[in-house]
């Protein structure tokens, strides 16, 4: 089992290099596309959506929290607020969300929203520090993120809802990928 996990970690390390691909010309389309091409963002958005259906009680609360605090974090980043090792925190969000999906119990809603919201602020700050002061790219990131939350929610409803073993394996896989992302930021 440990050999499989080690092999998977080594396999995902190159994938980790694509975590932040930039925002091109800083247009709405660049912002909208980013969540689909940044590995950290894609996985985090899909997992927040899936978690909200599988573990949350009010299914729109976690995605709404994430998108709202993502936007707030981006504004903070645009205004120069920067946290050291922010890429590490963004990568850790994928690991943490994977673990949250594997927990054999429901995490209390306030604790879950604090974790999800905290990571959303770091995602937003990372993007905000890369963005110009314009809001077009931010609007694109927010819309793309919301769409990915909805995709994660739909996947959870259609595929994962009655398959706890598959949910566990998916959470484990994403946690391993998150671990690879974390390792890639510290190596």
Protein backbone atom coordinates (compact mmCIF):
# COMPACT_ATOMS: atom_id res chain seq x y z
CA UNK A 1 0.00 0.00 0.00
CA UNK A 2 2.78 2.48 0.87
CA UNK A 3 4.53 1.65 -2.41
CA UNK A 4 1.37 2.54 -4.31
CA UNK A 5 1.02 5.84 -2.46
CA UNK A 6 4.69 6.69 -3.03
CA UNK A 7 4.37 5.87 -6.73
CA UNK A 8 1.25 8.02 -6.99
CA UNK A 9 2.97 10.93 -5.24
CA UNK A 10 5.87 10.72 -7.68
CA UNK A 11 3.45 10.55 -10.58
CA UNK A 12 1.56 13.69 -9.53
CA UNK A 13 4.59 15.88 -8.83
CA UNK A 14 4.85 17.04 -12.47
CA UNK A 15 1.11 17.78 -12.38
CA UNK A 16 1.77 20.07 -9.42
CA UNK A 17 3.82 22.38 -11.60
CA UNK A 18 0.60 23.52 -13.26
CA UNK A 19 -0.98 24.72 -10.03
CA UNK A 20 -0.84 28.40 -11.02
CA UNK A 21 -0.75 29.00 -14.73
CA UNK A 22 -1.17 32.77 -14.68
CA UNK A 23 -3.95 34.84 -16.13
CA UNK A 24 -2.77 35.78 -19.61
CA UNK A 25 -4.19 39.10 -20.73
CA UNK A 26 -6.19 39.68 -17.55
CA UNK A 27 -9.53 39.34 -19.31
CA UNK A 28 -12.77 37.80 -18.12
CA UNK A 29 -12.07 34.73 -20.27
CA UNK A 30 -8.58 34.32 -18.74
CA UNK A 31 -10.11 34.44 -15.27
CA UNK A 32 -12.92 32.07 -16.21
CA UNK A 33 -10.49 29.54 -17.70
CA UNK A 34 -8.05 29.56 -14.77
CA UNK A 35 -10.05 27.34 -12.38
CA UNK A 36 -10.25 24.69 -15.10
CA UNK A 37 -6.50 24.64 -15.80
CA UNK A 38 -4.95 25.22 -12.37
CA UNK A 39 -4.73 21.80 -10.70
CA UNK A 40 -5.09 23.23 -7.20
CA UNK A 41 -8.10 25.33 -8.11
CA UNK A 42 -9.85 22.64 -10.15
CA UNK A 43 -9.59 20.01 -7.43
CA UNK A 44 -10.51 22.40 -4.62
CA UNK A 45 -13.61 23.67 -6.43
CA UNK A 46 -14.85 20.20 -7.36
CA UNK A 47 -14.26 18.89 -3.84
CA UNK A 48 -16.01 21.79 -2.12
CA UNK A 49 -19.05 21.05 -4.31
CA UNK A 50 -18.90 17.30 -3.67
CA UNK A 51 -18.30 17.77 0.07
CA UNK A 52 -21.29 20.10 0.33
CA UNK A 53 -23.61 17.40 -1.04
CA UNK A 54 -22.08 14.44 0.81
CA UNK A 55 -21.22 15.95 4.18
CA UNK A 56 -22.96 19.32 4.41
CA UNK A 57 -26.47 19.92 5.56
CA UNK A 58 -27.16 23.12 3.64
CA UNK A 59 -25.60 22.20 0.33
CA UNK A 60 -25.09 25.69 -1.09
CA UNK A 61 -23.48 27.10 2.04
CA UNK A 62 -19.94 25.74 1.48
CA UNK A 63 -19.73 26.79 -2.20
CA UNK A 64 -21.20 30.20 -1.40
CA UNK A 65 -18.71 30.63 1.45
CA UNK A 66 -15.82 29.64 -0.80
CA UNK A 67 -16.77 31.92 -3.69
CA UNK A 68 -17.49 34.89 -1.39
CA UNK A 69 -14.23 34.57 0.52
CA UNK A 70 -12.29 33.86 -2.68
CA UNK A 71 -13.47 37.24 -3.99
CA UNK A 72 -12.70 38.94 -0.66
CA UNK A 73 -9.22 37.38 -0.60
CA UNK A 74 -8.59 38.53 -4.17
CA UNK A 75 -9.46 42.11 -3.21
CA UNK A 76 -7.06 41.84 -0.26
CA UNK A 77 -4.36 40.50 -2.58
CA UNK A 78 -4.98 43.27 -5.11
CA UNK A 79 -4.42 45.77 -2.31
CA UNK A 80 -1.06 44.29 -1.37
CA UNK A 81 -1.94 41.92 1.47
CA UNK A 82 0.32 38.93 1.06
CA UNK A 83 0.86 35.91 3.28
CA UNK A 84 4.28 34.24 3.08
CA UNK A 85 4.23 30.75 1.56
CA UNK A 86 0.78 31.34 0.10
CA UNK A 87 1.31 28.69 -2.59
CA UNK A 88 1.91 26.17 0.19
CA UNK A 89 -1.41 27.12 1.80
CA UNK A 90 -3.22 26.86 -1.53
CA UNK A 91 -1.71 23.41 -2.11
CA UNK A 92 -2.61 22.39 1.44
CA UNK A 93 -6.24 23.19 0.67
CA UNK A 94 -6.36 20.30 -1.80
CA UNK A 95 -4.87 17.95 0.80
CA UNK A 96 -7.27 19.16 3.51
CA UNK A 97 -10.36 18.94 1.30
CA UNK A 98 -9.41 15.40 0.28
CA UNK A 99 -9.05 14.46 3.94
CA UNK A 100 -12.39 16.13 4.77
CA UNK A 101 -14.07 13.90 2.22
CA UNK A 102 -12.58 10.77 3.82
CA UNK A 103 -13.58 11.52 7.40
CA UNK A 104 -15.89 8.84 8.80
CA UNK A 105 -17.97 11.49 10.57
CA UNK A 106 -19.59 14.79 9.73
CA UNK A 107 -17.33 17.67 10.57
CA UNK A 108 -19.33 20.35 12.38
CA UNK A 109 -20.60 22.96 9.95
CA UNK A 110 -18.84 25.93 11.63
CA UNK A 111 -15.51 24.07 11.62
CA UNK A 112 -15.94 22.91 8.02
CA UNK A 113 -16.88 26.39 6.83
CA UNK A 114 -13.93 27.88 8.71
CA UNK A 115 -11.56 25.47 6.94
CA UNK A 116 -13.19 25.97 3.54
CA UNK A 117 -13.43 29.74 4.01
CA UNK A 118 -9.85 30.08 5.25
CA UNK A 119 -8.51 28.24 2.23
CA UNK A 120 -10.76 30.32 -0.04
CA UNK A 121 -9.17 33.50 1.28
CA UNK A 122 -5.70 32.12 0.49
CA UNK A 123 -6.80 31.09 -3.02
CA UNK A 124 -8.20 34.58 -3.52
CA UNK A 125 -5.12 36.31 -2.14
CA UNK A 126 -2.89 34.27 -4.44
CA UNK A 127 -4.97 35.36 -7.42
CA UNK A 128 -5.41 38.92 -6.24
CA UNK A 129 -1.68 39.46 -5.90
CA UNK A 130 -1.31 38.31 -9.53
CA UNK A 131 -4.13 40.47 -10.89
CA UNK A 132 -4.35 44.03 -12.01
CA UNK A 133 -6.80 46.27 -10.19
CA UNK A 134 -9.52 45.49 -12.77
CA UNK A 135 -12.39 43.22 -11.86
CA UNK A 136 -12.88 41.39 -15.16
CA UNK A 137 -10.49 38.54 -14.43
CA UNK A 138 -11.79 38.25 -10.87
CA UNK A 139 -15.37 38.02 -12.14
CA UNK A 140 -14.24 35.23 -14.46
CA UNK A 141 -12.50 33.34 -11.65
CA UNK A 142 -15.59 33.64 -9.45
CA UNK A 143 -17.93 32.43 -12.20
CA UNK A 144 -15.60 29.57 -13.20
CA UNK A 145 -15.25 28.56 -9.56
CA UNK A 146 -19.02 28.58 -9.02
CA UNK A 147 -19.49 26.45 -12.13
CA UNK A 148 -16.93 23.92 -10.86
CA UNK A 149 -18.68 23.83 -7.47
CA UNK A 150 -21.90 22.98 -9.32
CA UNK A 151 -20.08 20.25 -11.30
CA UNK A 152 -18.75 18.76 -8.06
CA UNK A 153 -22.23 18.88 -6.58
CA UNK A 154 -23.74 17.17 -9.64
CA UNK A 155 -21.04 14.49 -9.59
CA UNK A 156 -21.73 13.84 -5.90
CA UNK A 157 -25.49 13.59 -6.53
CA UNK A 158 -25.21 11.37 -9.60
CA UNK A 159 -22.21 9.18 -8.78
CA UNK A 160 -21.01 9.41 -5.18
CA UNK A 161 -24.19 9.79 -3.11
CA UNK A 162 -24.79 6.07 -2.58
CA UNK A 163 -21.21 4.89 -3.02
CA UNK A 164 -19.33 5.54 0.23
CA UNK A 165 -16.38 3.38 -0.81
CA UNK A 166 -15.92 5.34 -4.04
CA UNK A 167 -16.21 8.58 -2.08
CA UNK A 168 -13.52 7.37 0.33
CA UNK A 169 -11.19 6.40 -2.53
CA UNK A 170 -11.76 9.71 -4.29
CA UNK A 171 -10.99 11.62 -1.10
CA UNK A 172 -7.85 9.56 -0.59
CA UNK A 173 -6.72 10.12 -4.17
CA UNK A 174 -7.24 13.88 -3.94
CA UNK A 175 -5.45 13.97 -0.58
CA UNK A 176 -2.47 12.21 -2.18
CA UNK A 177 -2.50 14.67 -5.09
CA UNK A 178 -2.72 17.48 -2.52
CA UNK A 179 0.25 15.97 -0.73
CA UNK A 180 2.13 16.04 -4.03
CA UNK A 181 1.20 19.69 -4.54
CA UNK A 182 2.41 20.49 -1.02
CA UNK A 183 5.68 18.65 -1.61
CA UNK A 184 6.22 20.45 -4.89
CA UNK A 185 5.99 23.82 -3.13
CA UNK A 186 8.54 22.93 -0.47
CA UNK A 187 11.05 21.09 -2.67
